[in-house]
Amino acid sequence: MSTDIQTIRKIAHLARLEFNEEKEQAVLQDLNKILNWVDKLRELDTDNIEPLIHMSEEVNVLREDEVRNTITHDEALLNAPKKDSDYIRVPKVME
């Protein structure tokens, strides 16, 4: 399968792309290489091959969502750039 320059111009128009003649030829060659590669893939016998759903047999291993304190309130206040008694001061973001 191959394509011609008119097809490239139509695709470029639909994609709102602009090419000069030199670039059109380069895109035409690249597209024809891709289409030839796809044709080669079509030659393969894939009747007894199961579809690939995941790249590996690994599945997501998720931990339980459990509430726990990793630092104390006082430790958090030690790292705060500004604090006001028991609270961390932040810049005002709403009027």
PDB file of N, CA and C in Angstrom:
ATOM      1  N   MET A   1       0.856  -1.172   0.000  1.00  0.00           N
ATOM      2  CA  MET A   1       0.000   0.000   0.000  1.00  0.00           C
ATOM      3  C   MET A   1       0.901   1.234   0.000  1.00  0.00           C
ATOM      4  N   SER A   2       0.550   2.188  -0.776  1.00  0.00           N
ATOM      5  CA  SER A   2       1.288   3.449  -0.758  1.00  0.00           C
ATOM      6  C   SER A   2       0.300   4.584  -0.983  1.00  0.00           C
ATOM      7  N   THR A   3       0.775   5.753  -0.756  1.00  0.00           N
ATOM      8  CA  THR A   3      -0.080   6.925  -0.880  1.00  0.00           C
ATOM      9  C   THR A   3       0.581   7.921  -1.828  1.00  0.00           C
ATOM     10  N   ASP A   4      -0.164   8.938  -2.208  1.00  0.00           N
ATOM     11  CA  ASP A   4       0.386   9.929  -3.144  1.00  0.00           C
ATOM     12  C   ASP A   4       0.381  11.319  -2.503  1.00  0.00           C
ATOM     13  N   ILE A   5       0.886  12.277  -3.221  1.00  0.00           N
ATOM     14  CA  ILE A   5       1.042  13.633  -2.696  1.00  0.00           C
ATOM     15  C   ILE A   5      -0.311  14.299  -2.421  1.00  0.00           C
ATOM     16  N   GLN A   6      -1.338  13.934  -3.212  1.00  0.00           N
ATOM     17  CA  GLN A   6      -2.670  14.501  -2.982  1.00  0.00           C
ATOM     18  C   GLN A   6      -3.224  14.060  -1.629  1.00  0.00           C
ATOM     19  N   THR A   7      -2.961  12.814  -1.261  1.00  0.00           N
ATOM     20  CA  THR A   7      -3.409  12.320   0.041  1.00  0.00           C
ATOM     21  C   THR A   7      -2.702  13.068   1.165  1.00  0.00           C
ATOM     22  N   ILE A   8      -1.408  13.311   0.990  1.00  0.00           N
ATOM     23  CA  ILE A   8      -0.650  14.055   1.992  1.00  0.00           C
ATOM     24  C   ILE A   8      -1.223  15.463   2.140  1.00  0.00           C
ATOM     25  N   ARG A   9      -1.541  16.093   1.032  1.00  0.00           N
ATOM     26  CA  ARG A   9      -2.110  17.451   1.091  1.00  0.00           C
ATOM     27  C   ARG A   9      -3.475  17.460   1.768  1.00  0.00           C
ATOM     28  N   LYS A  10      -4.280  16.433   1.500  1.00  0.00           N
ATOM     29  CA  LYS A  10      -5.600  16.355   2.125  1.00  0.00           C
ATOM     30  C   LYS A  10      -5.471  16.145   3.631  1.00  0.00           C
ATOM     31  N   ILE A  11      -4.573  15.241   4.042  1.00  0.00           N
ATOM     32  CA  ILE A  11      -4.352  15.006   5.471  1.00  0.00           C
ATOM     33  C   ILE A  11      -3.822  16.279   6.133  1.00  0.00           C
ATOM     34  N   ALA A  12      -2.898  16.957   5.469  1.00  0.00           N
ATOM     35  CA  ALA A  12      -2.338  18.194   6.013  1.00  0.00           C
ATOM     36  C   ALA A  12      -3.435  19.245   6.174  1.00  0.00           C
ATOM     37  N   HIS A  13      -4.316  19.335   5.181  1.00  0.00           N
ATOM     38  CA  HIS A  13      -5.418  20.301   5.270  1.00  0.00           C
ATOM     39  C   HIS A  13      -6.331  19.959   6.448  1.00  0.00           C
ATOM     40  N   LEU A  14      -6.694  18.692   6.591  1.00  0.00           N
ATOM     41  CA  LEU A  14      -7.582  18.282   7.686  1.00  0.00           C
ATOM     42  C   LEU A  14      -6.935  18.500   9.050  1.00  0.00           C
ATOM     43  N   ALA A  15      -5.609  18.333   9.115  1.00  0.00           N
ATOM     44  CA  ALA A  15      -4.890  18.510  10.376  1.00  0.00           C
ATOM     45  C   ALA A  15      -4.429  19.951  10.572  1.00  0.00           C
ATOM     46  N   ARG A  16      -4.769  20.813   9.629  1.00  0.00           N
ATOM     47  CA  ARG A  16      -4.374  22.224   9.670  1.00  0.00           C
ATOM     48  C   ARG A  16      -2.854  22.371   9.748  1.00  0.00           C
ATOM     49  N   LEU A  17      -2.159  21.574   8.906  1.00  0.00           N
ATOM     50  CA  LEU A  17      -0.708  21.637   8.810  1.00  0.00           C
ATOM     51  C   LEU A  17      -0.314  22.256   7.487  1.00  0.00           C
ATOM     52  N   GLU A  18       0.814  22.911   7.469  1.00  0.00           N
ATOM     53  CA  GLU A  18       1.319  23.491   6.237  1.00  0.00           C
ATOM     54  C   GLU A  18       2.730  22.973   5.994  1.00  0.00           C
ATOM     55  N   PHE A  19       2.966  22.456   4.778  1.00  0.00           N
ATOM     56  CA  PHE A  19       4.276  21.944   4.397  1.00  0.00           C
ATOM     57  C   PHE A  19       4.724  22.628   3.122  1.00  0.00           C
ATOM     58  N   ASN A  20       6.026  22.858   3.012  1.00  0.00           N
ATOM     59  CA  ASN A  20       6.544  23.269   1.709  1.00  0.00           C
ATOM     60  C   ASN A  20       6.731  21.995   0.875  1.00  0.00           C
ATOM     61  N   GLU A  21       7.073  22.129  -0.403  1.00  0.00           N
ATOM     62  CA  GLU A  21       7.143  20.957  -1.286  1.00  0.00           C
ATOM     63  C   GLU A  21       8.187  19.951  -0.820  1.00  0.00           C
ATOM     64  N   GLU A  22       9.288  20.446  -0.291  1.00  0.00           N
ATOM     65  CA  GLU A  22      10.341  19.545   0.186  1.00  0.00           C
ATOM     66  C   GLU A  22       9.852  18.723   1.369  1.00  0.00           C
ATOM     67  N   LYS A  23       9.160  19.386   2.275  1.00  0.00           N
ATOM     68  CA  LYS A  23       8.641  18.699   3.461  1.00  0.00           C
ATOM     69  C   LYS A  23       7.514  17.737   3.080  1.00  0.00           C
ATOM     70  N   GLU A  24       6.702  18.113   2.091  1.00  0.00           N
ATOM     71  CA  GLU A  24       5.652  17.208   1.611  1.00  0.00           C
ATOM     72  C   GLU A  24       6.253  15.890   1.141  1.00  0.00           C
ATOM     73  N   GLN A  25       7.348  15.983   0.385  1.00  0.00           N
ATOM     74  CA  GLN A  25       8.000  14.776  -0.119  1.00  0.00           C
ATOM     75  C   GLN A  25       8.539  13.921   1.034  1.00  0.00           C
ATOM     76  N   ALA A  26       9.098  14.583   2.048  1.00  0.00           N
ATOM     77  CA  ALA A  26       9.624  13.848   3.202  1.00  0.00           C
ATOM     78  C   ALA A  26       8.490  13.142   3.954  1.00  0.00           C
ATOM     79  N   VAL A  27       7.380  13.841   4.139  1.00  0.00           N
ATOM     80  CA  VAL A  27       6.227  13.246   4.821  1.00  0.00           C
ATOM     81  C   VAL A  27       5.675  12.092   3.989  1.00  0.00           C
ATOM     82  N   LEU A  28       5.624  12.265   2.684  1.00  0.00           N
ATOM     83  CA  LEU A  28       5.148  11.208   1.790  1.00  0.00           C
ATOM     84  C   LEU A  28       6.019   9.962   1.921  1.00  0.00           C
ATOM     85  N   GLN A  29       7.324  10.133   1.922  1.00  0.00           N
ATOM     86  CA  GLN A  29       8.223   8.988   2.068  1.00  0.00           C
ATOM     87  C   GLN A  29       8.050   8.311   3.426  1.00  0.00           C
ATOM     88  N   ASP A  30       7.952   9.113   4.480  1.00  0.00           N
ATOM     89  CA  ASP A  30       7.775   8.542   5.816  1.00  0.00           C
ATOM     90  C   ASP A  30       6.463   7.775   5.924  1.00  0.00           C
ATOM     91  N   LEU A  31       5.386   8.350   5.394  1.00  0.00           N
ATOM     92  CA  LEU A  31       4.084   7.687   5.460  1.00  0.00           C
ATOM     93  C   LEU A  31       4.097   6.389   4.668  1.00  0.00           C
ATOM     94  N   ASN A  32       4.738   6.397   3.507  1.00  0.00           N
ATOM     95  CA  ASN A  32       4.823   5.165   2.716  1.00  0.00           C
ATOM     96  C   ASN A  32       5.646   4.096   3.430  1.00  0.00           C
ATOM     97  N   LYS A  33       6.702   4.493   4.145  1.00  0.00           N
ATOM     98  CA  LYS A  33       7.477   3.526   4.929  1.00  0.00           C
ATOM     99  C   LYS A  33       6.609   2.904   6.009  1.00  0.00           C
ATOM    100  N   ILE A  34       5.817   3.736   6.682  1.00  0.00           N
ATOM    101  CA  ILE A  34       4.932   3.231   7.741  1.00  0.00           C
ATOM    102  C   ILE A  34       3.907   2.266   7.162  1.00  0.00           C
ATOM    103  N   LEU A  35       3.290   2.642   6.045  1.00  0.00           N
ATOM    104  CA  LEU A  35       2.270   1.788   5.437  1.00  0.00           C
ATOM    105  C   LEU A  35       2.871   0.476   4.943  1.00  0.00           C
ATOM    106  N   ASN A  36       4.086   0.509   4.405  1.00  0.00           N
ATOM    107  CA  ASN A  36       4.747  -0.726   3.982  1.00  0.00           C
ATOM    108  C   ASN A  36       5.040  -1.630   5.172  1.00  0.00           C
ATOM    109  N   TRP A  37       5.422  -1.045   6.285  1.00  0.00           N
ATOM    110  CA  TRP A  37       5.688  -1.816   7.489  1.00  0.00           C
ATOM    111  C   TRP A  37       4.393  -2.469   7.996  1.00  0.00           C
ATOM    112  N   VAL A  38       3.282  -1.737   7.941  1.00  0.00           N
ATOM    113  CA  VAL A  38       1.990  -2.292   8.348  1.00  0.00           C
ATOM    114  C   VAL A  38       1.610  -3.451   7.419  1.00  0.00           C
ATOM    115  N   ASP A  39       1.873  -3.313   6.123  1.00  0.00           N
ATOM    116  CA  ASP A  39       1.602  -4.406   5.188  1.00  0.00           C
ATOM    117  C   ASP A  39       2.412  -5.644   5.546  1.00  0.00           C
ATOM    118  N   LYS A  40       3.652  -5.459   5.945  1.00  0.00           N
ATOM    119  CA  LYS A  40       4.481  -6.591   6.364  1.00  0.00           C
ATOM    120  C   LYS A  40       3.884  -7.259   7.595  1.00  0.00           C
ATOM    121  N   LEU A  41       3.376  -6.468   8.520  1.00  0.00           N
ATOM    122  CA  LEU A  41       2.764  -7.039   9.721  1.00  0.00           C
ATOM    123  C   LEU A  41       1.513  -7.842   9.376  1.00  0.00           C
ATOM    124  N   ARG A  42       0.791  -7.417   8.358  1.00  0.00           N
ATOM    125  CA  ARG A  42      -0.424  -8.137   7.942  1.00  0.00           C
ATOM    126  C   ARG A  42      -0.102  -9.520   7.386  1.00  0.00           C
ATOM    127  N   GLU A  43       1.124  -9.733   6.939  1.00  0.00           N
ATOM    128  CA  GLU A  43       1.526 -11.034   6.402  1.00  0.00           C
ATOM    129  C   GLU A  43       1.678 -12.083   7.498  1.00  0.00           C
ATOM    130  N   LEU A  44       1.842 -11.650   8.728  1.00  0.00           N
ATOM    131  CA  LEU A  44       2.039 -12.591   9.829  1.00  0.00           C
ATOM    132  C   LEU A  44       0.757 -13.349  10.139  1.00  0.00           C
ATOM    133  N   ASP A  45       0.914 -14.628  10.465  1.00  0.00           N
ATOM    134  CA  ASP A  45      -0.217 -15.455  10.861  1.00  0.00           C
ATOM    135  C   ASP A  45      -0.457 -15.257  12.358  1.00  0.00           C
ATOM    136  N   THR A  46      -1.532 -14.599  12.701  1.00  0.00           N
ATOM    137  CA  THR A  46      -1.836 -14.313  14.111  1.00  0.00           C
ATOM    138  C   THR A  46      -3.110 -15.011  14.574  1.00  0.00           C
ATOM    139  N   ASP A  47      -3.519 -16.068  13.859  1.00  0.00           N
ATOM    140  CA  ASP A  47      -4.766 -16.751  14.204  1.00  0.00           C
ATOM    141  C   ASP A  47      -4.729 -17.378  15.598  1.00  0.00           C
ATOM    142  N   ASN A  48      -3.620 -17.956  15.981  1.00  0.00           N
ATOM    143  CA  ASN A  48      -3.539 -18.652  17.272  1.00  0.00           C
ATOM    144  C   ASN A  48      -2.851 -17.815  18.344  1.00  0.00           C
ATOM    145  N   ILE A  49      -2.768 -16.523  18.128  1.00  0.00           N
ATOM    146  CA  ILE A  49      -2.128 -15.627  19.086  1.00  0.00           C
ATOM    147  C   ILE A  49      -3.201 -14.856  19.839  1.00  0.00           C
ATOM    148  N   GLU A  50      -3.108 -14.921  21.163  1.00  0.00           N
ATOM    149  CA  GLU A  50      -4.081 -14.185  21.973  1.00  0.00           C
ATOM    150  C   GLU A  50      -3.720 -12.698  21.983  1.00  0.00           C
ATOM    151  N   PRO A  51      -4.710 -11.826  22.037  1.00  0.00           N
ATOM    152  CA  PRO A  51      -4.430 -10.381  22.075  1.00  0.00           C
ATOM    153  C   PRO A  51      -3.636 -10.022  23.326  1.00  0.00           C
ATOM    154  N   LEU A  52      -2.740  -9.081  23.181  1.00  0.00           N
ATOM    155  CA  LEU A  52      -1.933  -8.606  24.296  1.00  0.00           C
ATOM    156  C   LEU A  52      -2.699  -7.498  25.000  1.00  0.00           C
ATOM    157  N   ILE A  53      -3.013  -7.751  26.253  1.00  0.00           N
ATOM    158  CA  ILE A  53      -3.752  -6.764  27.024  1.00  0.00           C
ATOM    159  C   ILE A  53      -2.795  -5.951  27.888  1.00  0.00           C
ATOM    160  N   HIS A  54      -1.814  -6.633  28.480  1.00  0.00           N
ATOM    161  CA  HIS A  54      -0.823  -5.974  29.331  1.00  0.00           C
ATOM    162  C   HIS A  54       0.567  -6.344  28.827  1.00  0.00           C
ATOM    163  N   MET A  55       1.522  -5.469  29.065  1.00  0.00           N
ATOM    164  CA  MET A  55       2.887  -5.719  28.607  1.00  0.00           C
ATOM    165  C   MET A  55       3.594  -6.789  29.430  1.00  0.00           C
ATOM    166  N   SER A  56       3.125  -7.064  30.626  1.00  0.00           N
ATOM    167  CA  SER A  56       3.744  -8.088  31.459  1.00  0.00           C
ATOM    168  C   SER A  56       2.650  -8.785  32.262  1.00  0.00           C
ATOM    169  N   GLU A  57       3.040  -9.815  32.954  1.00  0.00           N
ATOM    170  CA  GLU A  57       2.081 -10.566  33.773  1.00  0.00           C
ATOM    171  C   GLU A  57       1.858  -9.911  35.134  1.00  0.00           C
ATOM    172  N   GLU A  58       2.615  -8.861  35.414  1.00  0.00           N
ATOM    173  CA  GLU A  58       2.497  -8.180  36.696  1.00  0.00           C
ATOM    174  C   GLU A  58       1.149  -7.474  36.798  1.00  0.00           C
ATOM    175  N   VAL A  59       0.615  -7.474  37.999  1.00  0.00           N
ATOM    176  CA  VAL A  59      -0.616  -6.729  38.259  1.00  0.00           C
ATOM    177  C   VAL A  59      -0.320  -5.703  39.341  1.00  0.00           C
ATOM    178  N   ASN A  60      -1.148  -4.686  39.409  1.00  0.00           N
ATOM    179  CA  ASN A  60      -0.941  -3.657  40.425  1.00  0.00           C
ATOM    180  C   ASN A  60      -1.125  -4.254  41.812  1.00  0.00           C
ATOM    181  N   VAL A  61      -0.150  -4.018  42.650  1.00  0.00           N
ATOM    182  CA  VAL A  61      -0.249  -4.451  44.034  1.00  0.00           C
ATOM    183  C   VAL A  61      -0.463  -3.186  44.853  1.00  0.00           C
ATOM    184  N   LEU A  62      -1.641  -3.078  45.404  1.00  0.00           N
ATOM    185  CA  LEU A  62      -1.994  -1.879  46.149  1.00  0.00           C
ATOM    186  C   LEU A  62      -2.004  -2.193  47.637  1.00  0.00           C
ATOM    187  N   ARG A  63      -1.541  -1.249  48.428  1.00  0.00           N
ATOM    188  CA  ARG A  63      -1.572  -1.435  49.872  1.00  0.00           C
ATOM    189  C   ARG A  63      -2.925  -0.994  50.397  1.00  0.00           C
ATOM    190  N   GLU A  64      -3.247  -1.456  51.549  1.00  0.00           N
ATOM    191  CA  GLU A  64      -4.475  -1.028  52.197  1.00  0.00           C
ATOM    192  C   GLU A  64      -4.352   0.453  52.548  1.00  0.00           C
ATOM    193  N   ASP A  65      -5.432   1.169  52.410  1.00  0.00           N
ATOM    194  CA  ASP A  65      -5.448   2.585  52.745  1.00  0.00           C
ATOM    195  C   ASP A  65      -5.766   2.705  54.229  1.00  0.00           C
ATOM    196  N   GLU A  66      -4.732   2.947  55.002  1.00  0.00           N
ATOM    197  CA  GLU A  66      -4.941   3.041  56.445  1.00  0.00           C
ATOM    198  C   GLU A  66      -4.465   4.399  56.948  1.00  0.00           C
ATOM    199  N   VAL A  67      -5.202   4.932  57.890  1.00  0.00           N
ATOM    200  CA  VAL A  67      -4.874   6.236  58.454  1.00  0.00           C
ATOM    201  C   VAL A  67      -3.800   6.037  59.512  1.00  0.00           C
ATOM    202  N   ARG A  68      -2.734   6.835  59.399  1.00  0.00           N
ATOM    203  CA  ARG A  68      -1.693   6.797  60.423  1.00  0.00           C
ATOM    204  C   ARG A  68      -0.959   8.126  60.419  1.00  0.00           C
ATOM    205  N   ASN A  69      -0.510   8.549  61.554  1.00  0.00           N
ATOM    206  CA  ASN A  69       0.248   9.785  61.691  1.00  0.00           C
ATOM    207  C   ASN A  69       1.721   9.464  61.464  1.00  0.00           C
ATOM    208  N   THR A  70       2.313  10.130  60.502  1.00  0.00           N
ATOM    209  CA  THR A  70       3.724   9.895  60.259  1.00  0.00           C
ATOM    210  C   THR A  70       4.595  10.883  61.022  1.00  0.00           C
ATOM    211  N   ILE A  71       4.076  12.080  61.265  1.00  0.00           N
ATOM    212  CA  ILE A  71       4.783  13.049  62.104  1.00  0.00           C
ATOM    213  C   ILE A  71       3.780  13.648  63.074  1.00  0.00           C
ATOM    214  N   THR A  72       4.294  14.131  64.153  1.00  0.00           N
ATOM    215  CA  THR A  72       3.411  14.731  65.152  1.00  0.00           C
ATOM    216  C   THR A  72       3.095  16.168  64.763  1.00  0.00           C
ATOM    217  N   HIS A  73       2.133  16.724  65.427  1.00  0.00           N
ATOM    218  CA  HIS A  73       1.727  18.116  65.202  1.00  0.00           C
ATOM    219  C   HIS A  73       2.903  19.057  65.464  1.00  0.00           C
ATOM    220  N   ASP A  74       3.609  18.813  66.542  1.00  0.00           N
ATOM    221  CA  ASP A  74       4.756  19.668  66.887  1.00  0.00           C
ATOM    222  C   ASP A  74       5.874  19.553  65.849  1.00  0.00           C
ATOM    223  N   GLU A  75       6.108  18.363  65.325  1.00  0.00           N
ATOM    224  CA  GLU A  75       7.138  18.185  64.308  1.00  0.00           C
ATOM    225  C   GLU A  75       6.762  18.935  63.027  1.00  0.00           C
ATOM    226  N   ALA A  76       5.481  18.946  62.692  1.00  0.00           N
ATOM    227  CA  ALA A  76       5.027  19.679  61.509  1.00  0.00           C
ATOM    228  C   ALA A  76       5.237  21.183  61.704  1.00  0.00           C
ATOM    229  N   LEU A  77       4.971  21.668  62.879  1.00  0.00           N
ATOM    230  CA  LEU A  77       5.163  23.096  63.149  1.00  0.00           C
ATOM    231  C   LEU A  77       6.637  23.490  63.105  1.00  0.00           C
ATOM    232  N   LEU A  78       7.527  22.570  63.446  1.00  0.00           N
ATOM    233  CA  LEU A  78       8.958  22.861  63.390  1.00  0.00           C
ATOM    234  C   LEU A  78       9.412  23.147  61.960  1.00  0.00           C
ATOM    235  N   ASN A  79       8.784  22.521  60.977  1.00  0.00           N
ATOM    236  CA  ASN A  79       9.171  22.697  59.570  1.00  0.00           C
ATOM    237  C   ASN A  79       8.437  23.839  58.880  1.00  0.00           C
ATOM    238  N   ALA A  80       7.492  24.438  59.549  1.00  0.00           N
ATOM    239  CA  ALA A  80       6.700  25.498  58.929  1.00  0.00           C
ATOM    240  C   ALA A  80       7.505  26.790  58.848  1.00  0.00           C
ATOM    241  N   PRO A  81       7.495  27.459  57.680  1.00  0.00           N
ATOM    242  CA  PRO A  81       8.223  28.721  57.574  1.00  0.00           C
ATOM    243  C   PRO A  81       7.605  29.812  58.455  1.00  0.00           C
ATOM    244  N   LYS A  82       6.272  29.789  58.590  1.00  0.00           N
ATOM    245  CA  LYS A  82       5.582  30.751  59.464  1.00  0.00           C
ATOM    246  C   LYS A  82       4.540  29.982  60.256  1.00  0.00           C
ATOM    247  N   LYS A  83       4.420  30.323  61.517  1.00  0.00           N
ATOM    248  CA  LYS A  83       3.411  29.660  62.339  1.00  0.00           C
ATOM    249  C   LYS A  83       2.786  30.670  63.284  1.00  0.00           C
ATOM    250  N   ASP A  84       1.597  30.333  63.736  1.00  0.00           N
ATOM    251  CA  ASP A  84       0.861  31.194  64.664  1.00  0.00           C
ATOM    252  C   ASP A  84       0.300  30.273  65.738  1.00  0.00           C
ATOM    253  N   SER A  85       0.921  30.230  66.874  1.00  0.00           N
ATOM    254  CA  SER A  85       0.611  29.328  67.990  1.00  0.00           C
ATOM    255  C   SER A  85       0.567  27.882  67.489  1.00  0.00           C
ATOM    256  N   ASP A  86      -0.599  27.305  67.323  1.00  0.00           N
ATOM    257  CA  ASP A  86      -0.705  25.893  66.917  1.00  0.00           C
ATOM    258  C   ASP A  86      -0.998  25.698  65.433  1.00  0.00           C
ATOM    259  N   TYR A  87      -0.907  26.750  64.616  1.00  0.00           N
ATOM    260  CA  TYR A  87      -1.296  26.662  63.213  1.00  0.00           C
ATOM    261  C   TYR A  87      -0.148  27.102  62.299  1.00  0.00           C
ATOM    262  N   ILE A  88      -0.147  26.557  61.107  1.00  0.00           N
ATOM    263  CA  ILE A  88       0.805  26.965  60.086  1.00  0.00           C
ATOM    264  C   ILE A  88       0.187  28.141  59.327  1.00  0.00           C
ATOM    265  N   ARG A  89       0.932  29.232  59.178  1.00  0.00           N
ATOM    266  CA  ARG A  89       0.421  30.404  58.447  1.00  0.00           C
ATOM    267  C   ARG A  89       0.784  30.252  56.972  1.00  0.00           C
ATOM    268  N   VAL A  90      -0.190  30.494  56.126  1.00  0.00           N
ATOM    269  CA  VAL A  90       0.013  30.424  54.684  1.00  0.00           C
ATOM    270  C   VAL A  90      -0.474  31.726  54.068  1.00  0.00           C
ATOM    271  N   PRO A  91       0.001  32.060  52.869  1.00  0.00           N
ATOM    272  CA  PRO A  91      -0.479  33.285  52.215  1.00  0.00           C
ATOM    273  C   PRO A  91      -1.980  33.197  51.924  1.00  0.00           C
ATOM    274  N   LYS A  92      -2.624  34.335  52.002  1.00  0.00           N
ATOM    275  CA  LYS A  92      -4.055  34.406  51.721  1.00  0.00           C
ATOM    276  C   LYS A  92      -4.282  34.149  50.233  1.00  0.00           C
ATOM    277  N   VAL A  93      -5.186  33.208  49.916  1.00  0.00           N
ATOM    278  CA  VAL A  93      -5.447  32.896  48.509  1.00  0.00           C
ATOM    279  C   VAL A  93      -6.845  33.300  48.073  1.00  0.00           C
ATOM    280  N   MET A  94      -7.726  33.593  48.991  1.00  0.00           N
ATOM    281  CA  MET A  94      -9.085  34.016  48.639  1.00  0.00           C
ATOM    282  C   MET A  94      -9.403  35.323  49.351  1.00  0.00           C
ATOM    283  N   GLU A  95     -10.150  36.155  48.695  1.00  0.00           N
ATOM    284  CA  GLU A  95     -10.544  37.431  49.286  1.00  0.00           C
ATOM    285  C   GLU A  95     -11.811  37.246  50.092  1.00  0.00           C
TER     286      GLU A  95
END
